[in-house]
Amino acid sequence: MTKKFKAEVAELTRPGRQLNKRFRAKIRKPKGQKKMHKPRPAKYHNWLTPFCWKDIIIVTKQVGWQMSASGIANGLKKRNPDTFGKINRNTIEGWIDRSGAKPKWTDSVLRRIDDGNNPGHNKGGKQGILVRNALDLLI
């Protein structure tokens, strides 16, 4: 598998990047300073997008009710090595709540899945010092 294809999978798991690119192209007028650098391709995967999560659920049912994180990771790599070649056992372990008698997905993960491709915030990128919450701390 090539490095280019892995980058394409990361882009596919983050469709908001493509939407923002289209919106900016539609709104932007040819003025101001020209861009010097092209945008970089996505590096990290969002495993909780709908097209990835359906495979995770299928493999979890095959693994069994114990929800073995390494079993899920290995099953995903066997099922679709191109998409899930970089998923790690530790990532899946962070999604599982083992506090009860039977393991289950954590509430935060289920909430993120319900949100779909929503990035989880409405700030549009990195948060700097001038974000409202940071100003509240200074006062």
Protein backbone atom coordinates (compact mmCIF):
# COMPACT_ATOMS: atom_id res chain seq x y z
CA MET A 1 0.00 0.00 0.00
CA THR A 2 1.35 3.37 -0.90
CA LYS A 3 1.69 6.38 1.36
CA LYS A 4 -0.55 8.37 -0.98
CA PHE A 5 -3.47 5.96 -0.49
CA LYS A 6 -3.13 6.16 3.31
CA ALA A 7 -3.39 9.94 3.06
CA GLU A 8 -6.49 9.55 0.90
CA VAL A 9 -8.14 7.37 3.58
CA ALA A 10 -7.43 10.05 6.18
CA GLU A 11 -9.02 12.63 3.87
CA LEU A 12 -12.07 10.40 3.38
CA THR A 13 -12.62 10.16 7.13
CA ARG A 14 -12.68 13.96 7.34
CA PRO A 15 -15.23 15.18 4.77
CA GLY A 16 -15.54 18.56 6.50
CA ARG A 17 -12.18 19.53 5.03
CA GLN A 18 -13.55 19.10 1.51
CA LEU A 19 -16.70 21.06 2.34
CA ASN A 20 -14.69 23.95 3.79
CA LYS A 21 -12.52 23.99 0.69
CA ARG A 22 -15.60 24.30 -1.53
CA PHE A 23 -17.17 27.02 0.63
CA ARG A 24 -13.98 29.07 0.64
CA ALA A 25 -13.60 28.75 -3.12
CA LYS A 26 -17.17 29.94 -3.62
CA ILE A 27 -16.87 32.94 -1.28
CA ARG A 28 -13.28 34.01 -1.93
CA LYS A 29 -12.64 36.79 -4.40
CA PRO A 30 -9.28 37.33 -6.09
CA LYS A 31 -7.85 39.90 -3.70
CA GLY A 32 -5.26 40.17 -0.99
CA GLN A 33 -2.08 38.22 -0.54
CA LYS A 34 -1.73 35.07 -2.60
CA LYS A 35 -1.28 31.73 -0.88
CA MET A 36 2.32 30.62 -0.70
CA HIS A 37 1.72 27.04 0.46
CA LYS A 38 -0.79 24.42 -0.60
CA PRO A 39 -2.91 22.86 2.15
CA ARG A 40 -1.42 19.67 3.55
CA PRO A 41 -3.31 16.39 3.28
CA ALA A 42 -4.99 15.04 6.41
CA LYS A 43 -2.67 13.05 8.63
CA TYR A 44 -4.99 11.61 11.28
CA HIS A 45 -8.00 9.37 10.81
CA ASN A 46 -11.42 9.98 12.30
CA TRP A 47 -12.39 6.38 13.01
CA LEU A 48 -15.85 7.41 14.26
CA THR A 49 -17.18 8.47 10.85
CA PRO A 50 -20.15 6.47 9.57
CA PHE A 51 -18.25 4.62 6.84
CA CYS A 52 -15.63 3.34 9.32
CA TRP A 53 -17.95 2.74 12.26
CA LYS A 54 -20.14 0.23 10.41
CA ASP A 55 -17.11 -2.04 9.95
CA ILE A 56 -16.11 -1.58 13.60
CA ILE A 57 -19.59 -2.71 14.74
CA ILE A 58 -19.50 -5.79 12.46
CA VAL A 59 -16.08 -6.85 13.76
CA THR A 60 -17.11 -6.18 17.37
CA LYS A 61 -20.03 -8.60 16.97
CA GLN A 62 -17.65 -11.20 15.53
CA VAL A 63 -15.21 -10.77 18.43
CA GLY A 64 -17.89 -11.32 21.06
CA TRP A 65 -19.34 -9.62 24.11
CA GLN A 66 -15.95 -9.29 25.86
CA MET A 67 -15.01 -6.62 23.29
CA SER A 68 -11.30 -7.44 23.15
CA ALA A 69 -9.56 -4.33 21.83
CA SER A 70 -6.75 -6.31 20.21
CA GLY A 71 -9.29 -8.73 18.69
CA ILE A 72 -11.24 -5.81 17.23
CA ALA A 73 -8.08 -4.18 15.86
CA ASN A 74 -6.84 -7.42 14.30
CA GLY A 75 -10.27 -8.19 12.85
CA LEU A 76 -10.48 -4.72 11.30
CA LYS A 77 -7.03 -5.10 9.76
CA LYS A 78 -8.03 -8.47 8.27
CA ARG A 79 -11.40 -7.21 7.03
CA ASN A 80 -10.15 -4.04 5.36
CA PRO A 81 -6.36 -3.58 5.54
CA ASP A 82 -6.34 -0.50 3.33
CA THR A 83 -8.66 1.50 5.57
CA PHE A 84 -7.79 0.10 9.00
CA GLY A 85 -4.09 -0.61 8.53
CA LYS A 86 -3.12 2.07 11.04
CA ILE A 87 -5.75 1.51 13.76
CA ASN A 88 -4.25 0.64 17.12
CA ARG A 89 -5.44 -1.47 20.03
CA ASN A 90 -4.90 1.44 22.44
CA THR A 91 -7.24 3.66 20.44
CA ILE A 92 -10.05 1.12 20.63
CA GLU A 93 -9.37 0.49 24.33
CA GLY A 94 -10.07 4.16 25.02
CA TRP A 95 -13.54 3.80 23.48
CA ILE A 96 -14.61 0.90 25.73
CA ASP A 97 -16.13 1.35 29.19
CA ARG A 98 -15.31 -1.68 31.34
CA SER A 99 -16.73 -0.37 34.62
CA GLY A 100 -19.88 -2.54 34.52
CA ALA A 101 -20.39 -6.29 34.35
CA LYS A 102 -20.45 -6.18 30.54
CA PRO A 103 -18.19 -3.88 28.50
CA LYS A 104 -19.86 -1.24 26.34
CA TRP A 105 -18.93 1.79 24.24
CA THR A 106 -18.37 4.96 26.27
CA ASP A 107 -21.03 7.66 26.22
CA SER A 108 -18.66 10.18 24.64
CA VAL A 109 -17.92 7.84 21.73
CA LEU A 110 -21.63 7.17 21.16
CA ARG A 111 -22.27 10.91 21.18
CA ARG A 112 -19.52 11.49 18.60
CA ILE A 113 -20.96 8.74 16.41
CA ASP A 114 -24.41 10.34 16.58
CA ASP A 115 -22.84 13.63 15.48
CA GLY A 116 -21.52 11.86 12.39
CA ASN A 117 -18.88 13.91 10.59
CA ASN A 118 -19.19 16.90 12.89
CA PRO A 119 -15.72 17.86 14.19
CA GLY A 120 -17.07 18.45 17.70
CA HIS A 121 -16.70 22.24 17.89
CA ASN A 122 -17.80 25.30 15.97
CA LYS A 123 -14.64 27.36 16.28
CA GLY A 124 -13.33 26.40 12.83
CA GLY A 125 -9.84 25.31 13.78
CA LYS A 126 -7.25 25.78 16.48
CA GLN A 127 -8.19 27.74 19.56
CA GLY A 128 -5.89 30.58 20.43
CA ILE A 129 -5.64 32.95 23.35
CA LEU A 130 -8.38 35.23 22.04
CA VAL A 131 -11.12 32.59 22.25
CA ARG A 132 -13.95 33.55 24.59
CA ASN A 133 -13.17 30.85 27.20
CA ALA A 134 -9.55 31.97 27.43
CA LEU A 135 -10.67 35.59 27.94
CA ASP A 136 -12.94 34.50 30.81
CA LEU A 137 -9.92 33.00 32.55
CA LEU A 138 -7.95 36.24 32.26
CA ILE A 139 -10.65 38.40 33.83
